[in-house]
C-alpha cells in the first residue's frame, strides 16, 4: 500500500478561511444572548472554531514562523480548549473571538493564501 500524499499547507489555510466564513454565516444577525441560546448555531460555530485550530496544526512551523502576525499558538490553544472543554466555555470570550478575532484572522489568512512568494514547508 502506498503512503498517503501530504497535503500542501495552502490547502489548510484555505480550509481555515472557509471555516471562518462559516462562523460569520452562523452568527450573522445574532447578538450574544441569542447566539448562546441558539443551540444549532452555537454548536456549529464552536465546531468550526475547533476546525480552524485543527487545520492550523497542519500548517508547518516554517510557515507559522514566517507569519508572526497570525496568532497561530492562540488559535491552536482555543481549539484545544473548545475540544476538551475541561474548563468550560466562557461565552463572553467566545463572542469576542467571533466578533473581533475571526474577522481579523480571515483577512490575515486571505493575505497569506494570496502570497505569490513560495514558502517552504
Protein backbone atom coordinates (compact mmCIF):
# COMPACT_ATOMS: atom_id res chain seq x y z
CA UNK A 1 0.00 0.00 0.00
CA UNK A 2 1.35 3.44 -0.87
CA UNK A 3 1.92 6.26 1.60
CA UNK A 4 -0.72 8.99 1.61
CA UNK A 5 0.36 12.13 -0.20
CA UNK A 6 0.99 15.03 2.17
CA UNK A 7 -1.41 17.88 1.67
CA UNK A 8 0.14 21.22 0.72
CA UNK A 9 -0.08 23.77 3.57
CA UNK A 10 -2.00 26.29 1.48
CA UNK A 11 -4.97 23.90 1.40
CA UNK A 12 -5.15 24.06 5.19
CA UNK A 13 -5.10 27.85 5.05
CA UNK A 14 -7.96 27.75 2.53
CA UNK A 15 -9.86 25.39 4.86
CA UNK A 16 -9.34 27.84 7.72
CA UNK A 17 -10.78 30.65 5.59
CA UNK A 18 -13.84 28.51 4.80
CA UNK A 19 -14.38 27.65 8.46
CA UNK A 20 -14.08 31.35 9.39
CA UNK A 21 -16.70 32.14 6.73
CA UNK A 22 -18.97 29.53 8.32
CA UNK A 23 -18.53 31.17 11.73
CA UNK A 24 -19.57 34.51 10.23
CA UNK A 25 -22.56 32.96 8.47
CA UNK A 26 -23.77 31.06 11.54
CA UNK A 27 -23.64 34.16 13.74
CA UNK A 28 -24.86 36.78 11.26
CA UNK A 29 -27.61 38.94 12.66
CA UNK A 30 -27.37 37.42 16.14
CA UNK A 31 -26.48 39.15 19.37
CA UNK A 32 -24.59 37.28 22.08
CA UNK A 33 -27.68 36.29 24.07
CA UNK A 34 -29.49 34.92 21.02
CA UNK A 35 -26.34 33.15 19.85
CA UNK A 36 -25.74 31.42 23.20
CA UNK A 37 -29.38 30.28 23.32
CA UNK A 38 -29.45 29.20 19.67
CA UNK A 39 -28.40 25.57 20.05
CA UNK A 40 -27.56 24.60 16.47
CA UNK A 41 -25.85 27.88 15.58
CA UNK A 42 -23.83 27.76 18.79
CA UNK A 43 -22.74 24.16 18.28
CA UNK A 44 -21.92 24.66 14.59
CA UNK A 45 -19.93 27.79 15.35
CA UNK A 46 -17.93 26.11 18.11
CA UNK A 47 -17.23 23.17 15.79
CA UNK A 48 -15.94 25.48 13.06
CA UNK A 49 -13.70 27.27 15.56
CA UNK A 50 -12.32 23.85 16.52
CA UNK A 51 -11.72 23.07 12.84
CA UNK A 52 -9.86 26.36 12.34
CA UNK A 53 -7.50 25.30 15.11
CA UNK A 54 -7.17 21.76 13.82
CA UNK A 55 -6.25 22.99 10.34
CA UNK A 56 -3.72 25.37 11.92
CA UNK A 57 -1.92 22.41 13.48
CA UNK A 58 -1.17 21.18 9.94
CA UNK A 59 0.46 24.42 8.80
CA UNK A 60 4.21 23.82 9.03
CA UNK A 61 6.27 25.62 11.67
CA UNK A 62 8.29 27.34 8.94
CA UNK A 63 5.14 28.99 7.60
CA UNK A 64 3.95 29.90 11.10
CA UNK A 65 7.33 31.45 11.93
CA UNK A 66 7.25 33.44 8.68
CA UNK A 67 3.81 34.87 9.56
CA UNK A 68 4.03 36.07 13.17
CA UNK A 69 1.11 38.44 12.59
CA UNK A 70 -1.17 35.40 12.69
CA UNK A 71 -1.64 34.19 16.29
CA UNK A 72 -1.06 30.50 15.50
CA UNK A 73 -0.42 29.47 19.10
CA UNK A 74 -3.61 31.13 20.32
CA UNK A 75 -5.67 29.61 17.50
CA UNK A 76 -4.46 26.13 18.41
CA UNK A 77 -4.91 26.80 22.14
CA UNK A 78 -8.53 27.85 21.53
CA UNK A 79 -9.11 24.64 19.58
CA UNK A 80 -7.75 22.58 22.47
CA UNK A 81 -9.84 24.43 25.00
CA UNK A 82 -13.04 24.04 22.96
CA UNK A 83 -12.50 20.38 22.14
CA UNK A 84 -11.55 19.31 25.62
CA UNK A 85 -13.92 21.70 27.36
CA UNK A 86 -12.29 20.83 30.62
CA UNK A 87 -12.75 24.34 31.99
CA UNK A 88 -15.99 25.09 30.20
CA UNK A 89 -16.50 27.72 27.56
CA UNK A 90 -16.67 31.34 28.61
CA UNK A 91 -19.38 32.77 26.37
CA UNK A 92 -18.13 36.36 26.70
CA UNK A 93 -14.70 35.32 25.44
CA UNK A 94 -16.23 33.13 22.75
CA UNK A 95 -18.40 36.01 21.50
CA UNK A 96 -15.40 38.33 21.45
CA UNK A 97 -13.43 35.80 19.39
CA UNK A 98 -16.34 35.51 16.95
CA UNK A 99 -16.89 39.25 16.62
CA UNK A 100 -13.29 40.50 16.58
CA UNK A 101 -10.70 37.79 16.18
CA UNK A 102 -12.28 35.66 13.46
CA UNK A 103 -12.84 38.58 11.01
CA UNK A 104 -9.24 39.77 11.53
CA UNK A 105 -7.94 36.22 11.14
CA UNK A 106 -9.95 35.79 7.95
CA UNK A 107 -8.25 38.85 6.44
CA UNK A 108 -4.79 37.68 7.52
CA UNK A 109 -5.36 34.19 6.11
CA UNK A 110 -6.65 35.59 2.83
CA UNK A 111 -3.49 37.68 2.52
CA UNK A 112 -1.35 34.63 3.27
CA UNK A 113 -3.19 32.47 0.73
CA UNK A 114 -2.68 35.08 -1.99
CA UNK A 115 1.05 35.47 -1.48
CA UNK A 116 2.93 34.80 -4.70
CA UNK A 117 6.17 34.04 -2.90
CA UNK A 118 6.50 30.35 -2.23
CA UNK A 119 7.07 29.44 1.40
CA UNK A 120 8.82 26.19 2.05
CA UNK A 121 7.14 23.76 4.39
